[in-house]
Amino acid sequence: MQRFILAFAGLTGAVSVAGDAASRHLLGFDPTRADWASTASHYGLAHALALLALASLWHQVSRGRARHALIAASGCFVGGILLFCGGLGLMASGFAPNFMPGLAPAVPAHFVPIGGTLFILGWLAVLAAAFFRNR
């Protein structure tokens, strides 16, 4: 699990930096799309760092409720990155209308608040881990 978290953090960091650079160079003509891409990149980078921190805590919290809370936080952050950042990225790229044939163009927009909620739940899981006793 720790390896997956590290790998996902690295991938998220790289995609976020590349996405922000691409948005600056390719989306300057459309401020709304550029803003979506920038927001996705910033949240992606912040949560890539959070995943790195969780991976570094992996061996310090050996088991029990604190470990389960950190696993839950990691899962929430991964889901939030995929849904929030991915949804915004699809919308910014203009790829969203053809995302899935037969579905409304707004489908990726529906993923964004779910991803944001997962980010909040992830941070609450980190908070909970602080109060659980490490065995």
N, C-alpha and C. Protein backbone atom coordinates (compact mmCIF):
# COMPACT_ATOMS: atom_id res chain seq x y z
N MET A 1 0.84 -1.20 0.00
CA MET A 1 0.00 0.00 0.00
C MET A 1 0.87 1.26 0.00
N GLN A 2 1.94 1.24 0.80
CA GLN A 2 2.82 2.40 0.87
C GLN A 2 3.42 2.70 -0.51
N ARG A 3 3.79 1.64 -1.22
CA ARG A 3 4.36 1.82 -2.55
C ARG A 3 3.36 2.44 -3.52
N PHE A 4 2.12 1.98 -3.44
CA PHE A 4 1.07 2.54 -4.30
C PHE A 4 0.89 4.03 -3.99
N ILE A 5 0.85 4.38 -2.71
CA ILE A 5 0.66 5.77 -2.32
C ILE A 5 1.81 6.63 -2.85
N LEU A 6 3.04 6.14 -2.70
CA LEU A 6 4.20 6.88 -3.21
C LEU A 6 4.13 7.03 -4.72
N ALA A 7 3.81 5.95 -5.42
CA ALA A 7 3.73 6.00 -6.88
C ALA A 7 2.63 6.96 -7.33
N PHE A 8 1.48 6.89 -6.68
CA PHE A 8 0.37 7.76 -7.05
C PHE A 8 0.72 9.22 -6.76
N ALA A 9 1.42 9.47 -5.66
CA ALA A 9 1.85 10.84 -5.34
C ALA A 9 2.80 11.37 -6.41
N GLY A 10 3.74 10.53 -6.83
CA GLY A 10 4.68 10.95 -7.88
C GLY A 10 3.98 11.23 -9.20
N LEU A 11 3.07 10.34 -9.57
CA LEU A 11 2.31 10.54 -10.81
C LEU A 11 1.46 11.80 -10.73
N THR A 12 0.80 11.99 -9.60
CA THR A 12 -0.04 13.17 -9.43
C THR A 12 0.78 14.45 -9.50
N GLY A 13 1.94 14.45 -8.86
CA GLY A 13 2.80 15.63 -8.90
C GLY A 13 3.23 15.96 -10.33
N ALA A 14 3.65 14.93 -11.07
CA ALA A 14 4.10 15.15 -12.44
C ALA A 14 2.96 15.65 -13.33
N VAL A 15 1.81 15.01 -13.22
CA VAL A 15 0.65 15.42 -14.04
C VAL A 15 0.20 16.83 -13.67
N SER A 16 0.25 17.15 -12.39
CA SER A 16 -0.18 18.48 -11.95
C SER A 16 0.73 19.57 -12.49
N VAL A 17 2.03 19.35 -12.43
CA VAL A 17 2.97 20.35 -12.96
C VAL A 17 2.82 20.48 -14.47
N ALA A 18 2.72 19.34 -15.15
CA ALA A 18 2.56 19.38 -16.61
C ALA A 18 1.22 20.03 -16.99
N GLY A 19 0.18 19.73 -16.24
CA GLY A 19 -1.12 20.32 -16.52
C GLY A 19 -1.13 21.82 -16.32
N ASP A 20 -0.45 22.28 -15.27
CA ASP A 20 -0.40 23.72 -15.04
C ASP A 20 0.40 24.41 -16.14
N ALA A 21 1.51 23.82 -16.53
CA ALA A 21 2.32 24.41 -17.60
C ALA A 21 1.53 24.44 -18.91
N ALA A 22 0.86 23.34 -19.22
CA ALA A 22 0.07 23.30 -20.45
C ALA A 22 -1.05 24.33 -20.43
N SER A 23 -1.68 24.48 -19.28
CA SER A 23 -2.78 25.45 -19.21
C SER A 23 -2.28 26.87 -19.41
N ARG A 24 -1.10 27.16 -18.91
CA ARG A 24 -0.54 28.51 -19.08
C ARG A 24 -0.23 28.81 -20.54
N HIS A 25 0.23 27.79 -21.26
CA HIS A 25 0.64 28.00 -22.64
C HIS A 25 -0.48 27.77 -23.65
N LEU A 26 -1.41 26.88 -23.34
CA LEU A 26 -2.40 26.50 -24.34
C LEU A 26 -3.80 27.05 -24.09
N LEU A 27 -4.07 27.44 -22.86
CA LEU A 27 -5.44 27.85 -22.54
C LEU A 27 -5.58 29.33 -22.20
N GLY A 28 -4.57 30.10 -22.50
CA GLY A 28 -4.61 31.52 -22.19
C GLY A 28 -5.76 32.26 -22.87
N PHE A 29 -6.25 31.70 -23.96
CA PHE A 29 -7.35 32.32 -24.70
C PHE A 29 -8.69 32.16 -24.00
N ASP A 30 -8.78 31.21 -23.08
CA ASP A 30 -10.05 30.94 -22.40
C ASP A 30 -9.82 30.97 -20.89
N PRO A 31 -10.10 32.11 -20.25
CA PRO A 31 -9.80 32.24 -18.82
C PRO A 31 -10.52 31.23 -17.94
N THR A 32 -11.73 30.83 -18.31
CA THR A 32 -12.47 29.87 -17.49
C THR A 32 -11.78 28.51 -17.52
N ARG A 33 -11.44 28.04 -18.71
CA ARG A 33 -10.76 26.75 -18.82
C ARG A 33 -9.38 26.79 -18.17
N ALA A 34 -8.68 27.90 -18.31
CA ALA A 34 -7.36 28.05 -17.69
C ALA A 34 -7.49 28.00 -16.16
N ASP A 35 -8.55 28.61 -15.65
CA ASP A 35 -8.78 28.60 -14.20
C ASP A 35 -9.08 27.19 -13.70
N TRP A 36 -9.88 26.43 -14.46
CA TRP A 36 -10.17 25.05 -14.07
C TRP A 36 -8.89 24.23 -14.02
N ALA A 37 -8.05 24.39 -15.04
CA ALA A 37 -6.79 23.63 -15.10
C ALA A 37 -5.86 24.03 -13.97
N SER A 38 -5.80 25.32 -13.69
CA SER A 38 -4.94 25.81 -12.60
C SER A 38 -5.41 25.28 -11.25
N THR A 39 -6.71 25.30 -11.02
CA THR A 39 -7.27 24.78 -9.76
C THR A 39 -6.97 23.29 -9.63
N ALA A 40 -7.16 22.54 -10.70
CA ALA A 40 -6.86 21.10 -10.67
C ALA A 40 -5.40 20.86 -10.34
N SER A 41 -4.52 21.65 -10.93
CA SER A 41 -3.08 21.49 -10.69
C SER A 41 -2.71 21.81 -9.25
N HIS A 42 -3.26 22.89 -8.72
CA HIS A 42 -2.93 23.29 -7.35
C HIS A 42 -3.42 22.25 -6.34
N TYR A 43 -4.65 21.80 -6.50
CA TYR A 43 -5.17 20.77 -5.59
C TYR A 43 -4.42 19.45 -5.77
N GLY A 44 -4.06 19.14 -7.00
CA GLY A 44 -3.29 17.92 -7.24
C GLY A 44 -1.94 17.96 -6.55
N LEU A 45 -1.23 19.07 -6.67
CA LEU A 45 0.07 19.20 -6.02
C LEU A 45 -0.05 19.14 -4.50
N ALA A 46 -1.03 19.85 -3.96
CA ALA A 46 -1.21 19.85 -2.49
C ALA A 46 -1.49 18.45 -1.98
N HIS A 47 -2.31 17.71 -2.70
CA HIS A 47 -2.68 16.38 -2.22
C HIS A 47 -1.63 15.33 -2.56
N ALA A 48 -0.80 15.59 -3.56
CA ALA A 48 0.36 14.72 -3.79
C ALA A 48 1.31 14.82 -2.60
N LEU A 49 1.51 16.03 -2.10
CA LEU A 49 2.35 16.21 -0.90
C LEU A 49 1.72 15.56 0.32
N ALA A 50 0.40 15.67 0.43
CA ALA A 50 -0.28 15.01 1.55
C ALA A 50 -0.10 13.50 1.48
N LEU A 51 -0.19 12.93 0.28
CA LEU A 51 0.03 11.49 0.13
C LEU A 51 1.47 11.11 0.49
N LEU A 52 2.43 11.96 0.14
CA LEU A 52 3.82 11.70 0.54
C LEU A 52 3.95 11.68 2.06
N ALA A 53 3.29 12.61 2.72
CA ALA A 53 3.33 12.65 4.18
C ALA A 53 2.70 11.40 4.77
N LEU A 54 1.57 10.97 4.22
CA LEU A 54 0.91 9.75 4.71
C LEU A 54 1.79 8.53 4.48
N ALA A 55 2.46 8.46 3.34
CA ALA A 55 3.35 7.34 3.07
C ALA A 55 4.53 7.33 4.04
N SER A 56 5.00 8.51 4.43
CA SER A 56 6.12 8.56 5.37
C SER A 56 5.70 8.15 6.78
N LEU A 57 4.42 8.28 7.09
CA LEU A 57 3.90 7.86 8.40
C LEU A 57 3.57 6.37 8.45
N TRP A 58 3.63 5.71 7.31
CA TRP A 58 3.16 4.35 7.18
C TRP A 58 3.73 3.40 8.24
N HIS A 59 5.03 3.45 8.46
CA HIS A 59 5.66 2.52 9.41
C HIS A 59 5.64 3.03 10.85
N GLN A 60 5.32 4.29 11.04
CA GLN A 60 5.24 4.83 12.39
C GLN A 60 3.92 4.45 13.06
N VAL A 61 2.91 4.23 12.27
CA VAL A 61 1.60 3.85 12.79
C VAL A 61 1.40 2.40 12.37
N SER A 62 1.68 1.50 13.28
CA SER A 62 1.77 0.09 12.90
C SER A 62 0.42 -0.59 12.71
N ARG A 63 -0.55 -0.29 13.55
CA ARG A 63 -1.86 -0.95 13.42
C ARG A 63 -2.89 -0.19 14.24
N GLY A 64 -4.10 -0.71 14.23
CA GLY A 64 -5.15 -0.10 15.03
C GLY A 64 -5.93 0.95 14.27
N ARG A 65 -6.71 1.70 15.04
CA ARG A 65 -7.60 2.69 14.43
C ARG A 65 -6.85 3.83 13.76
N ALA A 66 -5.69 4.20 14.30
CA ALA A 66 -4.91 5.27 13.67
C ALA A 66 -4.46 4.84 12.27
N ARG A 67 -4.02 3.60 12.15
CA ARG A 67 -3.60 3.08 10.84
C ARG A 67 -4.78 3.05 9.87
N HIS A 68 -5.93 2.60 10.35
CA HIS A 68 -7.13 2.56 9.50
C HIS A 68 -7.53 3.97 9.06
N ALA A 69 -7.39 4.93 9.96
CA ALA A 69 -7.72 6.31 9.60
C ALA A 69 -6.78 6.84 8.52
N LEU A 70 -5.49 6.49 8.60
CA LEU A 70 -4.53 6.92 7.58
C LEU A 70 -4.79 6.23 6.24
N ILE A 71 -5.20 4.98 6.30
CA ILE A 71 -5.57 4.27 5.06
C ILE A 71 -6.80 4.93 4.45
N ALA A 72 -7.78 5.26 5.28
CA ALA A 72 -8.98 5.94 4.78
C ALA A 72 -8.63 7.30 4.18
N ALA A 73 -7.74 8.03 4.85
CA ALA A 73 -7.32 9.34 4.32
C ALA A 73 -6.65 9.18 2.97
N SER A 74 -5.78 8.19 2.85
CA SER A 74 -5.11 7.95 1.57
C SER A 74 -6.11 7.63 0.47
N GLY A 75 -7.07 6.77 0.78
CA GLY A 75 -8.09 6.43 -0.20
C GLY A 75 -8.92 7.63 -0.61
N CYS A 76 -9.27 8.44 0.36
CA CYS A 76 -10.05 9.65 0.06
C CYS A 76 -9.25 10.61 -0.81
N PHE A 77 -7.96 10.77 -0.51
CA PHE A 77 -7.14 11.67 -1.31
C PHE A 77 -6.97 11.16 -2.74
N VAL A 78 -6.77 9.85 -2.90
CA VAL A 78 -6.66 9.28 -4.25
C VAL A 78 -7.97 9.49 -5.01
N GLY A 79 -9.09 9.17 -4.37
CA GLY A 79 -10.38 9.39 -5.01
C GLY A 79 -10.64 10.85 -5.33
N GLY A 80 -10.26 11.74 -4.40
CA GLY A 80 -10.44 13.17 -4.63
C GLY A 80 -9.60 13.67 -5.80
N ILE A 81 -8.38 13.17 -5.90
CA ILE A 81 -7.51 13.56 -7.02
C ILE A 81 -8.13 13.11 -8.33
N LEU A 82 -8.60 11.86 -8.36
CA LEU A 82 -9.18 11.34 -9.60
C LEU A 82 -10.45 12.09 -9.99
N LEU A 83 -11.34 12.32 -9.03
CA LEU A 83 -12.64 12.92 -9.36
C LEU A 83 -12.58 14.45 -9.45
N PHE A 84 -11.95 15.10 -8.45
CA PHE A 84 -11.91 16.56 -8.44
C PHE A 84 -10.95 17.07 -9.51
N CYS A 85 -9.69 16.66 -9.40
CA CYS A 85 -8.69 17.15 -10.34
C CYS A 85 -8.94 16.59 -11.74
N GLY A 86 -9.31 15.31 -11.80
CA GLY A 86 -9.59 14.72 -13.11
C GLY A 86 -10.79 15.35 -13.78
N GLY A 87 -11.85 15.60 -13.02
CA GLY A 87 -13.04 16.25 -13.58
C GLY A 87 -12.74 17.64 -14.10
N LEU A 88 -12.02 18.42 -13.29
CA LEU A 88 -11.65 19.77 -13.73
C LEU A 88 -10.72 19.71 -14.95
N GLY A 89 -9.80 18.75 -14.93
CA GLY A 89 -8.89 18.61 -16.07
C GLY A 89 -9.63 18.26 -17.35
N LEU A 90 -10.60 17.37 -17.26
CA LEU A 90 -11.40 17.03 -18.44
C LEU A 90 -12.19 18.24 -18.94
N MET A 91 -12.75 18.98 -18.00
CA MET A 91 -13.51 20.17 -18.39
C MET A 91 -12.58 21.21 -19.04
N ALA A 92 -11.40 21.39 -18.47
CA ALA A 92 -10.45 22.38 -19.01
C ALA A 92 -9.94 21.98 -20.38
N SER A 93 -9.75 20.69 -20.59
CA SER A 93 -9.20 20.22 -21.86
C SER A 93 -10.20 20.32 -23.00
N GLY A 94 -11.47 20.46 -22.66
CA GLY A 94 -12.50 20.46 -23.69
C GLY A 94 -12.88 19.06 -24.11
N PHE A 95 -12.27 18.07 -23.48
CA PHE A 95 -12.54 16.67 -23.79
C PHE A 95 -13.83 16.20 -23.14
N ALA A 96 -14.32 16.95 -22.18
CA ALA A 96 -15.49 16.55 -21.40
C ALA A 96 -16.74 16.26 -22.22
N PRO A 97 -17.10 17.05 -23.22
CA PRO A 97 -18.34 16.76 -23.93
C PRO A 97 -18.37 15.38 -24.58
N ASN A 98 -17.22 14.86 -25.00
CA ASN A 98 -17.17 13.55 -25.63
C ASN A 98 -16.62 12.50 -24.68
N PHE A 99 -16.64 12.81 -23.41
CA PHE A 99 -16.06 11.93 -22.39
C PHE A 99 -16.60 10.51 -22.49
N MET A 100 -17.90 10.38 -22.53
CA MET A 100 -18.54 9.08 -22.69
C MET A 100 -19.73 9.26 -23.62
N PRO A 101 -19.70 8.62 -24.76
CA PRO A 101 -20.81 8.79 -25.71
C PRO A 101 -22.15 8.47 -25.06
N GLY A 102 -23.11 9.31 -25.33
CA GLY A 102 -24.45 9.10 -24.81
C GLY A 102 -24.72 9.79 -23.49
N LEU A 103 -23.69 10.28 -22.82
CA LEU A 103 -23.88 10.98 -21.55
C LEU A 103 -23.82 12.48 -21.78
N ALA A 104 -24.47 13.19 -20.91
CA ALA A 104 -24.52 14.65 -21.03
C ALA A 104 -23.12 15.24 -20.87
N PRO A 105 -22.83 16.37 -21.52
CA PRO A 105 -21.51 17.01 -21.40
C PRO A 105 -21.16 17.38 -19.97
N ALA A 106 -22.14 17.54 -19.11
CA ALA A 106 -21.87 17.99 -17.75
C ALA A 106 -21.44 16.86 -16.82
N VAL A 107 -21.33 15.63 -17.31
CA VAL A 107 -20.99 14.50 -16.43
C VAL A 107 -19.70 14.74 -15.64
N PRO A 108 -18.58 15.15 -16.28
CA PRO A 108 -17.38 15.39 -15.47
C PRO A 108 -17.58 16.47 -14.41
N ALA A 109 -18.44 17.44 -14.68
CA ALA A 109 -18.72 18.48 -13.70
C ALA A 109 -19.39 17.91 -12.46
N HIS A 110 -20.11 16.82 -12.62
CA HIS A 110 -20.76 16.18 -11.46
C HIS A 110 -19.75 15.45 -10.58
N PHE A 111 -18.60 15.06 -11.14
CA PHE A 111 -17.57 14.38 -10.37
C PHE A 111 -16.82 15.33 -9.44
N VAL A 112 -16.72 16.59 -9.82
CA VAL A 112 -15.90 17.56 -9.09
C VAL A 112 -16.34 17.72 -7.63
N PRO A 113 -17.61 17.96 -7.33
CA PRO A 113 -17.97 18.11 -5.91
C PRO A 113 -17.81 16.82 -5.11
N ILE A 114 -17.97 15.67 -5.76
CA ILE A 114 -17.75 14.41 -5.06
C ILE A 114 -16.27 14.31 -4.67
N GLY A 115 -15.40 14.67 -5.59
CA GLY A 115 -13.96 14.68 -5.30
C GLY A 115 -13.61 15.66 -4.20
N GLY A 116 -14.22 16.84 -4.22
CA GLY A 116 -13.98 17.82 -3.17
C GLY A 116 -14.43 17.31 -1.81
N THR A 117 -15.56 16.62 -1.79
CA THR A 117 -16.04 16.01 -0.54
C THR A 117 -15.06 14.95 -0.04
N LEU A 118 -14.51 14.17 -0.96
CA LEU A 118 -13.51 13.17 -0.57
C LEU A 118 -12.26 13.84 0.03
N PHE A 119 -11.84 14.97 -0.53
CA PHE A 119 -10.71 15.70 0.06
C PHE A 119 -11.02 16.08 1.51
N ILE A 120 -12.19 16.61 1.74
CA ILE A 120 -12.58 17.02 3.10
C ILE A 120 -12.61 15.82 4.03
N LEU A 121 -13.21 14.72 3.57
CA LEU A 121 -13.26 13.51 4.40
C LEU A 121 -11.85 12.97 4.68
N GLY A 122 -10.97 13.08 3.70
CA GLY A 122 -9.58 12.65 3.90
C GLY A 122 -8.89 13.45 4.99
N TRP A 123 -9.08 14.75 4.97
CA TRP A 123 -8.47 15.58 6.01
C TRP A 123 -9.09 15.29 7.38
N LEU A 124 -10.38 15.01 7.42
CA LEU A 124 -11.01 14.63 8.69
C LEU A 124 -10.48 13.28 9.18
N ALA A 125 -10.15 12.38 8.27
CA ALA A 125 -9.55 11.11 8.66
C ALA A 125 -8.14 11.32 9.24
N VAL A 126 -7.40 12.27 8.68
CA VAL A 126 -6.09 12.62 9.25
C VAL A 126 -6.27 13.16 10.66
N LEU A 127 -7.26 14.02 10.83
CA LEU A 127 -7.56 14.56 12.16
C LEU A 127 -7.90 13.43 13.13
N ALA A 128 -8.73 12.49 12.69
CA ALA A 128 -9.11 11.37 13.54
C ALA A 128 -7.88 10.54 13.92
N ALA A 129 -6.97 10.34 12.98
CA ALA A 129 -5.76 9.55 13.26
C ALA A 129 -4.95 10.17 14.39
N ALA A 130 -5.00 11.48 14.49
CA ALA A 130 -4.25 12.15 15.56
C ALA A 130 -4.80 11.83 16.94
N PHE A 131 -6.07 11.48 17.02
CA PHE A 131 -6.67 11.21 18.31
C PHE A 131 -6.71 9.73 18.67
N PHE A 132 -6.45 8.88 17.69
CA PHE A 132 -6.44 7.45 17.99
C PHE A 132 -5.07 7.06 18.53
N ARG A 133 -5.09 6.15 19.43
CA ARG A 133 -3.87 5.70 20.06
C ARG A 133 -3.14 4.70 19.15
N ASN A 134 -1.84 4.90 18.99
CA ASN A 134 -1.02 3.99 18.20
C ASN A 134 -0.55 2.84 19.10
N ARG A 135 -0.77 1.62 18.64
CA ARG A 135 -0.35 0.47 19.46
C ARG A 135 0.93 -0.12 18.95
